[in-house]
PDB file of N, CA and C in Angstrom:
ATOM      1  N   UNK A   1     -24.389 -22.282 -24.497  1.00  0.00           N
ATOM      2  CA  UNK A   1     -24.395 -23.648 -23.985  1.00  0.00           C
ATOM      3  C   UNK A   1     -22.953 -24.151 -23.996  1.00  0.00           C
ATOM      4  N   UNK A   2     -22.517 -24.657 -22.868  1.00  0.00           N
ATOM      5  CA  UNK A   2     -21.164 -25.207 -22.794  1.00  0.00           C
ATOM      6  C   UNK A   2     -21.157 -26.642 -23.319  1.00  0.00           C
ATOM      7  N   UNK A   3     -19.958 -27.139 -23.580  1.00  0.00           N
ATOM      8  CA  UNK A   3     -19.827 -28.528 -23.994  1.00  0.00           C
ATOM      9  C   UNK A   3     -20.336 -29.484 -22.930  1.00  0.00           C
ATOM     10  N   UNK A   4     -20.100 -29.131 -21.664  1.00  0.00           N
ATOM     11  CA  UNK A   4     -20.583 -29.974 -20.565  1.00  0.00           C
ATOM     12  C   UNK A   4     -22.105 -30.001 -20.536  1.00  0.00           C
ATOM     13  N   UNK A   5     -22.731 -28.839 -20.733  1.00  0.00           N
ATOM     14  CA  UNK A   5     -24.197 -28.795 -20.768  1.00  0.00           C
ATOM     15  C   UNK A   5     -24.739 -29.654 -21.907  1.00  0.00           C
ATOM     16  N   UNK A   6     -24.101 -29.559 -23.055  1.00  0.00           N
ATOM     17  CA  UNK A   6     -24.537 -30.359 -24.201  1.00  0.00           C
ATOM     18  C   UNK A   6     -24.460 -31.842 -23.874  1.00  0.00           C
ATOM     19  N   UNK A   7     -23.343 -32.276 -23.305  1.00  0.00           N
ATOM     20  CA  UNK A   7     -23.192 -33.698 -22.990  1.00  0.00           C
ATOM     21  C   UNK A   7     -24.233 -34.160 -21.979  1.00  0.00           C
ATOM     22  N   UNK A   8     -24.460 -33.359 -20.941  1.00  0.00           N
ATOM     23  CA  UNK A   8     -25.456 -33.717 -19.929  1.00  0.00           C
ATOM     24  C   UNK A   8     -26.837 -33.838 -20.569  1.00  0.00           C
ATOM     25  N   UNK A   9     -27.210 -32.882 -21.405  1.00  0.00           N
ATOM     26  CA  UNK A   9     -28.513 -32.928 -22.074  1.00  0.00           C
ATOM     27  C   UNK A   9     -28.606 -34.128 -23.011  1.00  0.00           C
ATOM     28  N   UNK A  10     -27.549 -34.362 -23.785  1.00  0.00           N
ATOM     29  CA  UNK A  10     -27.547 -35.489 -24.726  1.00  0.00           C
ATOM     30  C   UNK A  10     -27.740 -36.806 -23.989  1.00  0.00           C
ATOM     31  N   UNK A  11     -26.979 -36.999 -22.919  1.00  0.00           N
ATOM     32  CA  UNK A  11     -27.085 -38.246 -22.165  1.00  0.00           C
ATOM     33  C   UNK A  11     -28.436 -38.358 -21.466  1.00  0.00           C
ATOM     34  N   UNK A  12     -28.957 -37.248 -20.948  1.00  0.00           N
ATOM     35  CA  UNK A  12     -30.268 -37.258 -20.309  1.00  0.00           C
ATOM     36  C   UNK A  12     -31.350 -37.683 -21.299  1.00  0.00           C
ATOM     37  N   UNK A  13     -31.208 -37.252 -22.539  1.00  0.00           N
ATOM     38  CA  UNK A  13     -32.188 -37.593 -23.573  1.00  0.00           C
ATOM     39  C   UNK A  13     -32.012 -39.014 -24.111  1.00  0.00           C
ATOM     40  N   UNK A  14     -30.901 -39.665 -23.780  1.00  0.00           N
ATOM     41  CA  UNK A  14     -30.698 -41.043 -24.213  1.00  0.00           C
ATOM     42  C   UNK A  14     -30.043 -41.183 -25.571  1.00  0.00           C
ATOM     43  N   UNK A  15     -29.328 -40.159 -26.021  1.00  0.00           N
ATOM     44  CA  UNK A  15     -28.676 -40.199 -27.329  1.00  0.00           C
ATOM     45  C   UNK A  15     -27.184 -40.444 -27.197  1.00  0.00           C
ATOM     46  N   UNK A  16     -26.641 -41.223 -28.124  1.00  0.00           N
ATOM     47  CA  UNK A  16     -25.194 -41.277 -28.297  1.00  0.00           C
ATOM     48  C   UNK A  16     -24.797 -40.036 -29.102  1.00  0.00           C
ATOM     49  N   UNK A  17     -23.512 -39.797 -29.208  1.00  0.00           N
ATOM     50  CA  UNK A  17     -23.071 -38.677 -30.052  1.00  0.00           C
ATOM     51  C   UNK A  17     -23.540 -38.875 -31.489  1.00  0.00           C
ATOM     52  N   UNK A  18     -23.395 -40.097 -31.984  1.00  0.00           N
ATOM     53  CA  UNK A  18     -23.797 -40.378 -33.366  1.00  0.00           C
ATOM     54  C   UNK A  18     -25.290 -40.144 -33.565  1.00  0.00           C
ATOM     55  N   UNK A  19     -26.088 -40.560 -32.603  1.00  0.00           N
ATOM     56  CA  UNK A  19     -27.538 -40.392 -32.733  1.00  0.00           C
ATOM     57  C   UNK A  19     -27.936 -38.922 -32.716  1.00  0.00           C
ATOM     58  N   UNK A  20     -27.367 -38.144 -31.798  1.00  0.00           N
ATOM     59  CA  UNK A  20     -27.704 -36.721 -31.762  1.00  0.00           C
ATOM     60  C   UNK A  20     -27.207 -36.020 -33.019  1.00  0.00           C
ATOM     61  N   UNK A  21     -26.044 -36.417 -33.495  1.00  0.00           N
ATOM     62  CA  UNK A  21     -25.534 -35.781 -34.712  1.00  0.00           C
ATOM     63  C   UNK A  21     -26.464 -36.044 -35.891  1.00  0.00           C
ATOM     64  N   UNK A  22     -27.049 -37.232 -35.949  1.00  0.00           N
ATOM     65  CA  UNK A  22     -28.007 -37.537 -37.015  1.00  0.00           C
ATOM     66  C   UNK A  22     -29.255 -36.662 -36.885  1.00  0.00           C
ATOM     67  N   UNK A  23     -29.745 -36.498 -35.669  1.00  0.00           N
ATOM     68  CA  UNK A  23     -30.914 -35.644 -35.428  1.00  0.00           C
ATOM     69  C   UNK A  23     -30.620 -34.207 -35.862  1.00  0.00           C
ATOM     70  N   UNK A  24     -29.408 -33.731 -35.562  1.00  0.00           N
ATOM     71  CA  UNK A  24     -29.043 -32.349 -35.863  1.00  0.00           C
ATOM     72  C   UNK A  24     -28.524 -32.155 -37.286  1.00  0.00           C
ATOM     73  N   UNK A  25     -28.266 -33.268 -37.994  1.00  0.00           N
ATOM     74  CA  UNK A  25     -27.770 -33.166 -39.367  1.00  0.00           C
ATOM     75  C   UNK A  25     -26.310 -32.751 -39.460  1.00  0.00           C
ATOM     76  N   UNK A  26     -25.506 -33.224 -38.510  1.00  0.00           N
ATOM     77  CA  UNK A  26     -24.069 -32.935 -38.498  1.00  0.00           C
ATOM     78  C   UNK A  26     -23.325 -34.240 -38.237  1.00  0.00           C
ATOM     79  N   UNK A  27     -22.009 -34.178 -38.111  1.00  0.00           N
ATOM     80  CA  UNK A  27     -21.245 -35.391 -37.835  1.00  0.00           C
ATOM     81  C   UNK A  27     -21.032 -35.563 -36.331  1.00  0.00           C
ATOM     82  N   UNK A  28     -20.800 -36.808 -35.936  1.00  0.00           N
ATOM     83  CA  UNK A  28     -20.540 -37.100 -34.522  1.00  0.00           C
ATOM     84  C   UNK A  28     -19.262 -36.415 -34.052  1.00  0.00           C
ATOM     85  N   UNK A  29     -18.317 -36.227 -34.964  1.00  0.00           N
ATOM     86  CA  UNK A  29     -17.079 -35.538 -34.617  1.00  0.00           C
ATOM     87  C   UNK A  29     -17.309 -34.099 -34.183  1.00  0.00           C
ATOM     88  N   UNK A  30     -18.287 -33.455 -34.791  1.00  0.00           N
ATOM     89  CA  UNK A  30     -18.620 -32.081 -34.406  1.00  0.00           C
ATOM     90  C   UNK A  30     -19.160 -32.062 -32.976  1.00  0.00           C
ATOM     91  N   UNK A  31     -20.039 -33.024 -32.665  1.00  0.00           N
ATOM     92  CA  UNK A  31     -20.557 -33.129 -31.291  1.00  0.00           C
ATOM     93  C   UNK A  31     -19.392 -33.329 -30.321  1.00  0.00           C
ATOM     94  N   UNK A  32     -18.469 -34.229 -30.679  1.00  0.00           N
ATOM     95  CA  UNK A  32     -17.307 -34.489 -29.822  1.00  0.00           C
ATOM     96  C   UNK A  32     -16.484 -33.217 -29.628  1.00  0.00           C
ATOM     97  N   UNK A  33     -16.266 -32.467 -30.707  1.00  0.00           N
ATOM     98  CA  UNK A  33     -15.497 -31.221 -30.600  1.00  0.00           C
ATOM     99  C   UNK A  33     -16.171 -30.227 -29.662  1.00  0.00           C
ATOM    100  N   UNK A  34     -17.487 -30.122 -29.744  1.00  0.00           N
ATOM    101  CA  UNK A  34     -18.214 -29.207 -28.859  1.00  0.00           C
ATOM    102  C   UNK A  34     -18.135 -29.673 -27.417  1.00  0.00           C
ATOM    103  N   UNK A  35     -18.427 -30.967 -27.202  1.00  0.00           N
ATOM    104  CA  UNK A  35     -18.443 -31.484 -25.831  1.00  0.00           C
ATOM    105  C   UNK A  35     -17.065 -31.446 -25.178  1.00  0.00           C
ATOM    106  N   UNK A  36     -16.040 -31.696 -25.968  1.00  0.00           N
ATOM    107  CA  UNK A  36     -14.685 -31.746 -25.426  1.00  0.00           C
ATOM    108  C   UNK A  36     -14.012 -30.376 -25.380  1.00  0.00           C
ATOM    109  N   UNK A  37     -14.728 -29.337 -25.820  1.00  0.00           N
ATOM    110  CA  UNK A  37     -14.214 -27.980 -25.728  1.00  0.00           C
ATOM    111  C   UNK A  37     -13.249 -27.563 -26.816  1.00  0.00           C
ATOM    112  N   UNK A  38     -13.110 -28.372 -27.862  1.00  0.00           N
ATOM    113  CA  UNK A  38     -12.216 -27.996 -28.957  1.00  0.00           C
ATOM    114  C   UNK A  38     -12.815 -26.889 -29.819  1.00  0.00           C
ATOM    115  N   UNK A  39     -14.133 -26.852 -29.902  1.00  0.00           N
ATOM    116  CA  UNK A  39     -14.838 -25.808 -30.646  1.00  0.00           C
ATOM    117  C   UNK A  39     -15.995 -25.309 -29.792  1.00  0.00           C
ATOM    118  N   UNK A  40     -16.329 -24.031 -29.912  1.00  0.00           N
ATOM    119  CA  UNK A  40     -17.495 -23.522 -29.178  1.00  0.00           C
ATOM    120  C   UNK A  40     -18.787 -24.036 -29.808  1.00  0.00           C
ATOM    121  N   UNK A  41     -19.803 -24.188 -28.991  1.00  0.00           N
ATOM    122  CA  UNK A  41     -21.106 -24.589 -29.532  1.00  0.00           C
ATOM    123  C   UNK A  41     -21.713 -23.395 -30.261  1.00  0.00           C
ATOM    124  N   UNK A  42     -22.480 -23.643 -31.317  1.00  0.00           N
ATOM    125  CA  UNK A  42     -23.068 -22.530 -32.063  1.00  0.00           C
ATOM    126  C   UNK A  42     -24.200 -21.859 -31.288  1.00  0.00           C
ATOM    127  N   UNK A  43     -24.471 -20.622 -31.628  1.00  0.00           N
ATOM    128  CA  UNK A  43     -25.475 -19.824 -30.912  1.00  0.00           C
ATOM    129  C   UNK A  43     -26.864 -20.446 -30.963  1.00  0.00           C
ATOM    130  N   UNK A  44     -27.186 -21.166 -32.031  1.00  0.00           N
ATOM    131  CA  UNK A  44     -28.540 -21.720 -32.192  1.00  0.00           C
ATOM    132  C   UNK A  44     -28.723 -23.086 -31.523  1.00  0.00           C
ATOM    133  N   UNK A  45     -27.663 -23.673 -31.017  1.00  0.00           N
ATOM    134  CA  UNK A  45     -27.761 -25.018 -30.441  1.00  0.00           C
ATOM    135  C   UNK A  45     -28.715 -25.095 -29.247  1.00  0.00           C
ATOM    136  N   UNK A  46     -28.695 -24.139 -28.317  1.00  0.00           N
ATOM    137  CA  UNK A  46     -29.645 -24.242 -27.198  1.00  0.00           C
ATOM    138  C   UNK A  46     -31.101 -24.322 -27.650  1.00  0.00           C
ATOM    139  N   UNK A  47     -31.450 -23.593 -28.697  1.00  0.00           N
ATOM    140  CA  UNK A  47     -32.828 -23.642 -29.206  1.00  0.00           C
ATOM    141  C   UNK A  47     -33.151 -25.017 -29.782  1.00  0.00           C
ATOM    142  N   UNK A  48     -32.205 -25.600 -30.494  1.00  0.00           N
ATOM    143  CA  UNK A  48     -32.442 -26.919 -31.088  1.00  0.00           C
ATOM    144  C   UNK A  48     -32.562 -27.985 -30.012  1.00  0.00           C
ATOM    145  N   UNK A  49     -31.719 -27.918 -28.998  1.00  0.00           N
ATOM    146  CA  UNK A  49     -31.800 -28.880 -27.895  1.00  0.00           C
ATOM    147  C   UNK A  49     -33.093 -28.660 -27.120  1.00  0.00           C
ATOM    148  N   UNK A  50     -33.467 -27.414 -26.901  1.00  0.00           N
ATOM    149  CA  UNK A  50     -34.711 -27.109 -26.185  1.00  0.00           C
ATOM    150  C   UNK A  50     -35.921 -27.682 -26.917  1.00  0.00           C
ATOM    151  N   UNK A  51     -35.906 -27.658 -28.239  1.00  0.00           N
ATOM    152  CA  UNK A  51     -37.016 -28.227 -29.012  1.00  0.00           C
ATOM    153  C   UNK A  51     -37.109 -29.739 -28.797  1.00  0.00           C
ATOM    154  N   UNK A  52     -35.965 -30.411 -28.729  1.00  0.00           N
ATOM    155  CA  UNK A  52     -35.955 -31.856 -28.475  1.00  0.00           C
ATOM    156  C   UNK A  52     -36.467 -32.132 -27.064  1.00  0.00           C
ATOM    157  N   UNK A  53     -36.013 -31.338 -26.101  1.00  0.00           N
ATOM    158  CA  UNK A  53     -36.456 -31.507 -24.713  1.00  0.00           C
ATOM    159  C   UNK A  53     -37.960 -31.285 -24.608  1.00  0.00           C
ATOM    160  N   UNK A  54     -38.478 -30.255 -25.259  1.00  0.00           N
ATOM    161  CA  UNK A  54     -39.918 -29.971 -25.224  1.00  0.00           C
ATOM    162  C   UNK A  54     -40.714 -31.115 -25.824  1.00  0.00           C
ATOM    163  N   UNK A  55     -40.280 -31.629 -26.963  1.00  0.00           N
ATOM    164  CA  UNK A  55     -40.954 -32.772 -27.582  1.00  0.00           C
ATOM    165  C   UNK A  55     -40.945 -33.956 -26.621  1.00  0.00           C
ATOM    166  N   UNK A  56     -39.794 -34.209 -26.002  1.00  0.00           N
ATOM    167  CA  UNK A  56     -39.651 -35.329 -25.076  1.00  0.00           C
ATOM    168  C   UNK A  56     -40.581 -35.173 -23.877  1.00  0.00           C
ATOM    169  N   UNK A  57     -40.630 -33.987 -23.300  1.00  0.00           N
ATOM    170  CA  UNK A  57     -41.496 -33.746 -22.145  1.00  0.00           C
ATOM    171  C   UNK A  57     -42.966 -33.933 -22.516  1.00  0.00           C
ATOM    172  N   UNK A  58     -43.363 -33.455 -23.677  1.00  0.00           N
ATOM    173  CA  UNK A  58     -44.749 -33.623 -24.124  1.00  0.00           C
ATOM    174  C   UNK A  58     -45.076 -35.096 -24.356  1.00  0.00           C
ATOM    175  N   UNK A  59     -44.139 -35.831 -24.939  1.00  0.00           N
ATOM    176  CA  UNK A  59     -44.335 -37.266 -25.168  1.00  0.00           C
ATOM    177  C   UNK A  59     -44.469 -37.993 -23.830  1.00  0.00           C
ATOM    178  N   UNK A  60     -43.623 -37.627 -22.869  1.00  0.00           N
ATOM    179  CA  UNK A  60     -43.692 -38.239 -21.544  1.00  0.00           C
ATOM    180  C   UNK A  60     -45.036 -37.947 -20.882  1.00  0.00           C
ATOM    181  N   UNK A  61     -45.516 -36.724 -20.988  1.00  0.00           N
ATOM    182  CA  UNK A  61     -46.822 -36.373 -20.418  1.00  0.00           C
ATOM    183  C   UNK A  61     -47.929 -37.234 -21.022  1.00  0.00           C
ATOM    184  N   UNK A  62     -47.863 -37.464 -22.330  1.00  0.00           N
ATOM    185  CA  UNK A  62     -48.856 -38.323 -22.987  1.00  0.00           C
ATOM    186  C   UNK A  62     -48.794 -39.742 -22.439  1.00  0.00           C
ATOM    187  N   UNK A  63     -47.580 -40.267 -22.266  1.00  0.00           N
ATOM    188  CA  UNK A  63     -47.433 -41.624 -21.728  1.00  0.00           C
ATOM    189  C   UNK A  63     -47.952 -41.709 -20.295  1.00  0.00           C
ATOM    190  N   UNK A  64     -47.658 -40.711 -19.485  1.00  0.00           N
ATOM    191  CA  UNK A  64     -48.133 -40.696 -18.097  1.00  0.00           C
ATOM    192  C   UNK A  64     -49.654 -40.727 -18.076  1.00  0.00           C
ATOM    193  N   UNK A  65     -50.286 -39.930 -18.923  1.00  0.00           N
ATOM    194  CA  UNK A  65     -51.753 -39.889 -18.977  1.00  0.00           C
ATOM    195  C   UNK A  65     -52.334 -41.203 -19.486  1.00  0.00           C
ATOM    196  N   UNK A  66     -51.630 -41.841 -20.396  1.00  0.00           N
ATOM    197  CA  UNK A  66     -52.101 -43.094 -20.994  1.00  0.00           C
ATOM    198  C   UNK A  66     -51.933 -44.285 -20.056  1.00  0.00           C
ATOM    199  N   UNK A  67     -50.918 -44.254 -19.214  1.00  0.00           N
ATOM    200  CA  UNK A  67     -50.577 -45.404 -18.366  1.00  0.00           C
ATOM    201  C   UNK A  67     -50.768 -45.057 -16.894  1.00  0.00           C
ATOM    202  N   UNK A  68     -52.017 -45.069 -16.461  1.00  0.00           N
ATOM    203  CA  UNK A  68     -52.353 -44.823 -15.060  1.00  0.00           C
ATOM    204  C   UNK A  68     -52.543 -46.188 -14.399  1.00  0.00           C
ATOM    205  N   UNK A  69     -51.886 -46.422 -13.288  1.00  0.00           N
ATOM    206  CA  UNK A  69     -51.998 -47.711 -12.616  1.00  0.00           C
ATOM    207  C   UNK A  69     -51.094 -48.743 -13.252  1.00  0.00           C
ATOM    208  N   UNK A  70     -51.249 -50.007 -12.829  1.00  0.00           N
ATOM    209  CA  UNK A  70     -50.396 -51.063 -13.363  1.00  0.00           C
ATOM    210  C   UNK A  70     -50.681 -51.308 -14.840  1.00  0.00           C
ATOM    211  N   UNK A  71     -49.698 -51.821 -15.520  1.00  0.00           N
ATOM    212  CA  UNK A  71     -49.853 -52.142 -16.930  1.00  0.00           C
ATOM    213  C   UNK A  71     -48.504 -52.439 -17.546  1.00  0.00           C
ATOM    214  N   UNK A  72     -48.517 -52.683 -18.842  1.00  0.00           N
ATOM    215  CA  UNK A  72     -47.304 -53.004 -19.585  1.00  0.00           C
ATOM    216  C   UNK A  72     -47.046 -51.892 -20.596  1.00  0.00           C
ATOM    217  N   UNK A  73     -45.802 -51.476 -20.668  1.00  0.00           N
ATOM    218  CA  UNK A  73     -45.366 -50.486 -21.651  1.00  0.00           C
ATOM    219  C   UNK A  73     -44.340 -51.165 -22.544  1.00  0.00           C
ATOM    220  N   UNK A  74     -44.509 -50.995 -23.828  1.00  0.00           N
ATOM    221  CA  UNK A  74     -43.613 -51.617 -24.802  1.00  0.00           C
ATOM    222  C   UNK A  74     -42.535 -50.622 -25.218  1.00  0.00           C
ATOM    223  N   UNK A  75     -41.288 -51.109 -25.263  1.00  0.00           N
ATOM    224  CA  UNK A  75     -40.191 -50.334 -25.828  1.00  0.00           C
ATOM    225  C   UNK A  75     -39.420 -51.231 -26.789  1.00  0.00           C
ATOM    226  N   UNK A  76     -38.300 -50.771 -27.280  1.00  0.00           N
ATOM    227  CA  UNK A  76     -37.633 -51.441 -28.397  1.00  0.00           C
ATOM    228  C   UNK A  76     -36.142 -51.586 -28.141  1.00  0.00           C
ATOM    229  N   UNK A  77     -35.610 -52.723 -28.585  1.00  0.00           N
ATOM    230  CA  UNK A  77     -34.180 -53.000 -28.443  1.00  0.00           C
ATOM    231  C   UNK A  77     -33.346 -52.195 -29.436  1.00  0.00           C
ATOM    232  N   UNK A  78     -33.861 -52.031 -30.649  1.00  0.00           N
ATOM    233  CA  UNK A  78     -33.077 -51.428 -31.731  1.00  0.00           C
ATOM    234  C   UNK A  78     -33.851 -50.310 -32.420  1.00  0.00           C
ATOM    235  N   UNK A  79     -33.116 -49.463 -33.106  1.00  0.00           N
ATOM    236  CA  UNK A  79     -33.756 -48.409 -33.895  1.00  0.00           C
ATOM    237  C   UNK A  79     -34.609 -49.014 -35.003  1.00  0.00           C
ATOM    238  N   UNK A  80     -34.149 -50.113 -35.592  1.00  0.00           N
ATOM    239  CA  UNK A  80     -34.927 -50.758 -36.659  1.00  0.00           C
ATOM    240  C   UNK A  80     -36.260 -51.268 -36.124  1.00  0.00           C
ATOM    241  N   UNK A  81     -36.249 -51.875 -34.948  1.00  0.00           N
ATOM    242  CA  UNK A  81     -37.491 -52.351 -34.344  1.00  0.00           C
ATOM    243  C   UNK A  81     -38.429 -51.212 -34.003  1.00  0.00           C
ATOM    244  N   UNK A  82     -37.865 -50.123 -33.512  1.00  0.00           N
ATOM    245  CA  UNK A  82     -38.668 -48.944 -33.182  1.00  0.00           C
ATOM    246  C   UNK A  82     -39.290 -48.360 -34.449  1.00  0.00           C
ATOM    247  N   UNK A  83     -38.490 -48.218 -35.488  1.00  0.00           N
ATOM    248  CA  UNK A  83     -38.987 -47.644 -36.746  1.00  0.00           C
ATOM    249  C   UNK A  83     -40.026 -48.542 -37.404  1.00  0.00           C
ATOM    250  N   UNK A  84     -39.897 -49.847 -37.212  1.00  0.00           N
ATOM    251  CA  UNK A  84     -40.866 -50.783 -37.798  1.00  0.00           C
ATOM    252  C   UNK A  84     -42.263 -50.540 -37.238  1.00  0.00           C
ATOM    253  N   UNK A  85     -42.348 -50.212 -35.969  1.00  0.00           N
ATOM    254  CA  UNK A  85     -43.645 -50.029 -35.317  1.00  0.00           C
ATOM    255  C   UNK A  85     -44.047 -48.563 -35.177  1.00  0.00           C
ATOM    256  N   UNK A  86     -43.120 -47.681 -35.459  1.00  0.00           N
ATOM    257  CA  UNK A  86     -43.396 -46.237 -35.433  1.00  0.00           C
ATOM    258  C   UNK A  86     -42.782 -45.630 -36.693  1.00  0.00           C
ATOM    259  N   UNK A  87     -43.475 -45.741 -37.827  1.00  0.00           N
ATOM    260  CA  UNK A  87     -42.911 -45.187 -39.064  1.00  0.00           C
ATOM    261  C   UNK A  87     -42.538 -43.713 -38.873  1.00  0.00           C
ATOM    262  N   UNK A  88     -41.423 -43.339 -39.436  1.00  0.00           N
ATOM    263  CA  UNK A  88     -40.898 -41.973 -39.286  1.00  0.00           C
ATOM    264  C   UNK A  88     -40.767 -41.579 -37.815  1.00  0.00           C
ATOM    265  N   UNK A  89     -40.035 -42.391 -37.044  1.00  0.00           N
ATOM    266  CA  UNK A  89     -39.926 -42.088 -35.611  1.00  0.00           C
ATOM    267  C   UNK A  89     -39.253 -40.741 -35.390  1.00  0.00           C
ATOM    268  N   UNK A  90     -39.652 -40.093 -34.331  1.00  0.00           N
ATOM    269  CA  UNK A  90     -39.072 -38.784 -34.014  1.00  0.00           C
ATOM    270  C   UNK A  90     -37.584 -38.917 -33.707  1.00  0.00           C
ATOM    271  N   UNK A  91     -37.227 -39.932 -32.918  1.00  0.00           N
ATOM    272  CA  UNK A  91     -35.845 -40.060 -32.509  1.00  0.00           C
ATOM    273  C   UNK A  91     -35.408 -41.523 -32.569  1.00  0.00           C
ATOM    274  N   UNK A  92     -34.830 -42.052 -31.504  1.00  0.00           N
ATOM    275  CA  UNK A  92     -34.213 -43.375 -31.534  1.00  0.00           C
ATOM    276  C   UNK A  92     -34.810 -44.300 -30.475  1.00  0.00           C
ATOM    277  N   UNK A  93     -34.483 -45.585 -30.600  1.00  0.00           N
ATOM    278  CA  UNK A  93     -34.936 -46.556 -29.602  1.00  0.00           C
ATOM    279  C   UNK A  93     -34.348 -46.234 -28.227  1.00  0.00           C
ATOM    280  N   UNK A  94     -33.109 -45.798 -28.175  1.00  0.00           N
ATOM    281  CA  UNK A  94     -32.509 -45.462 -26.871  1.00  0.00           C
ATOM    282  C   UNK A  94     -33.214 -44.258 -26.249  1.00  0.00           C
ATOM    283  N   UNK A  95     -33.628 -43.306 -27.076  1.00  0.00           N
ATOM    284  CA  UNK A  95     -34.424 -42.175 -26.578  1.00  0.00           C
ATOM    285  C   UNK A  95     -35.734 -42.697 -25.992  1.00  0.00           C
ATOM    286  N   UNK A  96     -36.399 -43.617 -26.697  1.00  0.00           N
ATOM    287  CA  UNK A  96     -37.668 -44.174 -26.229  1.00  0.00           C
ATOM    288  C   UNK A  96     -37.480 -44.927 -24.915  1.00  0.00           C
ATOM    289  N   UNK A  97     -36.404 -45.710 -24.814  1.00  0.00           N
ATOM    290  CA  UNK A  97     -36.134 -46.435 -23.565  1.00  0.00           C
ATOM    291  C   UNK A  97     -35.901 -45.458 -22.415  1.00  0.00           C
ATOM    292  N   UNK A  98     -35.212 -44.371 -22.681  1.00  0.00           N
ATOM    293  CA  UNK A  98     -34.964 -43.363 -21.643  1.00  0.00           C
ATOM    294  C   UNK A  98     -36.278 -42.740 -21.185  1.00  0.00           C
ATOM    295  N   UNK A  99     -37.175 -42.449 -22.124  1.00  0.00           N
ATOM    296  CA  UNK A  99     -38.490 -41.912 -21.763  1.00  0.00           C
ATOM    297  C   UNK A  99     -39.250 -42.937 -20.923  1.00  0.00           C
ATOM    298  N   UNK A 100     -39.157 -44.210 -21.290  1.00  0.00           N
ATOM    299  CA  UNK A 100     -39.827 -45.256 -20.505  1.00  0.00           C
ATOM    300  C   UNK A 100     -39.256 -45.332 -19.092  1.00  0.00           C
ATOM    301  N   UNK A 101     -37.960 -45.123 -18.953  1.00  0.00           N
ATOM    302  CA  UNK A 101     -37.356 -45.081 -17.623  1.00  0.00           C
ATOM    303  C   UNK A 101     -37.906 -43.938 -16.790  1.00  0.00           C
ATOM    304  N   UNK A 102     -38.091 -42.807 -17.420  1.00  0.00           N
ATOM    305  CA  UNK A 102     -38.678 -41.663 -16.716  1.00  0.00           C
ATOM    306  C   UNK A 102     -40.142 -41.929 -16.380  1.00  0.00           C
ATOM    307  N   UNK A 103     -40.836 -42.654 -17.239  1.00  0.00           N
ATOM    308  CA  UNK A 103     -42.218 -43.035 -16.964  1.00  0.00           C
ATOM    309  C   UNK A 103     -42.281 -43.918 -15.721  1.00  0.00           C
ATOM    310  N   UNK A 104     -41.338 -44.839 -15.586  1.00  0.00           N
ATOM    311  CA  UNK A 104     -41.282 -45.704 -14.397  1.00  0.00           C
ATOM    312  C   UNK A 104     -41.069 -44.898 -13.117  1.00  0.00           C
ATOM    313  N   UNK A 105     -40.344 -43.793 -13.204  1.00  0.00           N
ATOM    314  CA  UNK A 105     -40.167 -42.932 -12.028  1.00  0.00           C
ATOM    315  C   UNK A 105     -41.515 -42.412 -11.537  1.00  0.00           C
ATOM    316  N   UNK A 106     -42.430 -42.222 -12.454  1.00  0.00           N
ATOM    317  CA  UNK A 106     -43.742 -41.663 -12.121  1.00  0.00           C
ATOM    318  C   UNK A 106     -44.782 -42.726 -11.805  1.00  0.00           C
ATOM    319  N   UNK A 107     -44.557 -43.943 -12.300  1.00  0.00           N
ATOM    320  CA  UNK A 107     -45.512 -45.029 -12.074  1.00  0.00           C
ATOM    321  C   UNK A 107     -44.743 -46.340 -11.946  1.00  0.00           C
ATOM    322  N   UNK A 108     -44.345 -46.658 -10.731  1.00  0.00           N
ATOM    323  CA  UNK A 108     -43.547 -47.860 -10.475  1.00  0.00           C
ATOM    324  C   UNK A 108     -44.339 -49.146 -10.652  1.00  0.00           C
ATOM    325  N   UNK A 109     -45.661 -49.056 -10.822  1.00  0.00           N
ATOM    326  CA  UNK A 109     -46.489 -50.247 -11.015  1.00  0.00           C
ATOM    327  C   UNK A 109     -46.421 -50.767 -12.447  1.00  0.00           C
ATOM    328  N   UNK A 110     -45.808 -50.014 -13.331  1.00  0.00           N
ATOM    329  CA  UNK A 110     -45.717 -50.441 -14.729  1.00  0.00           C
ATOM    330  C   UNK A 110     -44.639 -51.500 -14.912  1.00  0.00           C
ATOM    331  N   UNK A 111     -44.815 -52.307 -15.946  1.00  0.00           N
ATOM    332  CA  UNK A 111     -43.814 -53.277 -16.376  1.00  0.00           C
ATOM    333  C   UNK A 111     -43.382 -52.858 -17.775  1.00  0.00           C
ATOM    334  N   UNK A 112     -42.075 -52.780 -17.989  1.00  0.00           N
ATOM    335  CA  UNK A 112     -41.545 -52.431 -19.303  1.00  0.00           C
ATOM    336  C   UNK A 112     -41.121 -53.722 -19.989  1.00  0.00           C
ATOM    337  N   UNK A 113     -41.567 -53.920 -21.202  1.00  0.00           N
ATOM    338  CA  UNK A 113     -41.207 -55.097 -21.998  1.00  0.00           C
ATOM    339  C   UNK A 113     -40.660 -54.637 -23.342  1.00  0.00           C
ATOM    340  N   UNK A 114     -39.726 -55.418 -23.879  1.00  0.00           N
ATOM    341  CA  UNK A 114     -39.308 -55.184 -25.259  1.00  0.00           C
ATOM    342  C   UNK A 114     -40.377 -55.733 -26.179  1.00  0.00           C
ATOM    343  N   UNK A 115     -40.567 -55.109 -27.312  1.00  0.00           N
ATOM    344  CA  UNK A 115     -41.605 -55.519 -28.248  1.00  0.00           C
ATOM    345  C   UNK A 115     -41.517 -57.011 -28.565  1.00  0.00           C
ATOM    346  N   UNK A 116     -40.325 -57.509 -28.840  1.00  0.00           N
ATOM    347  CA  UNK A 116     -40.183 -58.915 -29.228  1.00  0.00           C
ATOM    348  C   UNK A 116     -40.383 -59.879 -28.066  1.00  0.00           C
ATOM    349  N   UNK A 117     -40.475 -59.364 -26.831  1.00  0.00           N
ATOM    350  CA  UNK A 117     -40.702 -60.209 -25.653  1.00  0.00           C
ATOM    351  C   UNK A 117     -42.132 -60.126 -25.147  1.00  0.00           C
ATOM    352  N   UNK A 118     -42.880 -59.156 -25.637  1.00  0.00           N
ATOM    353  CA  UNK A 118     -44.234 -58.902 -25.118  1.00  0.00           C
ATOM    354  C   UNK A 118     -45.166 -60.043 -25.464  1.00  0.00           C
ATOM    355  N   UNK A 119     -46.022 -60.348 -24.545  1.00  0.00           N
ATOM    356  CA  UNK A 119     -47.010 -61.413 -24.751  1.00  0.00           C
ATOM    357  C   UNK A 119     -48.293 -60.807 -25.259  1.00  0.00           C
TER     358      UNK A 119
END
């Protein structure tokens, strides 16, 4: 996996460098070094990223099945708000918002609301 591939995948998933580094249990500086080409990415990184992508795709499939037709989907402004309503969240609020954006691609009749704005 090249640094460019890592950055594209990270941004596609909705993670900042700091957020992905937390998921992977490393520092954001290491992510920066990989993405900027200062250090090669480790051999196991594609598998770890693939696991995140697979989880994300499965979560999206569940949302698509759950939200057929018009309706409201709740997302979160902050990681704290997301964790409050999803104890032990898999990832971050920005990841969840990105998944909701992909859900809108599949069902434009949906309305996305932030939890604190939902009626």
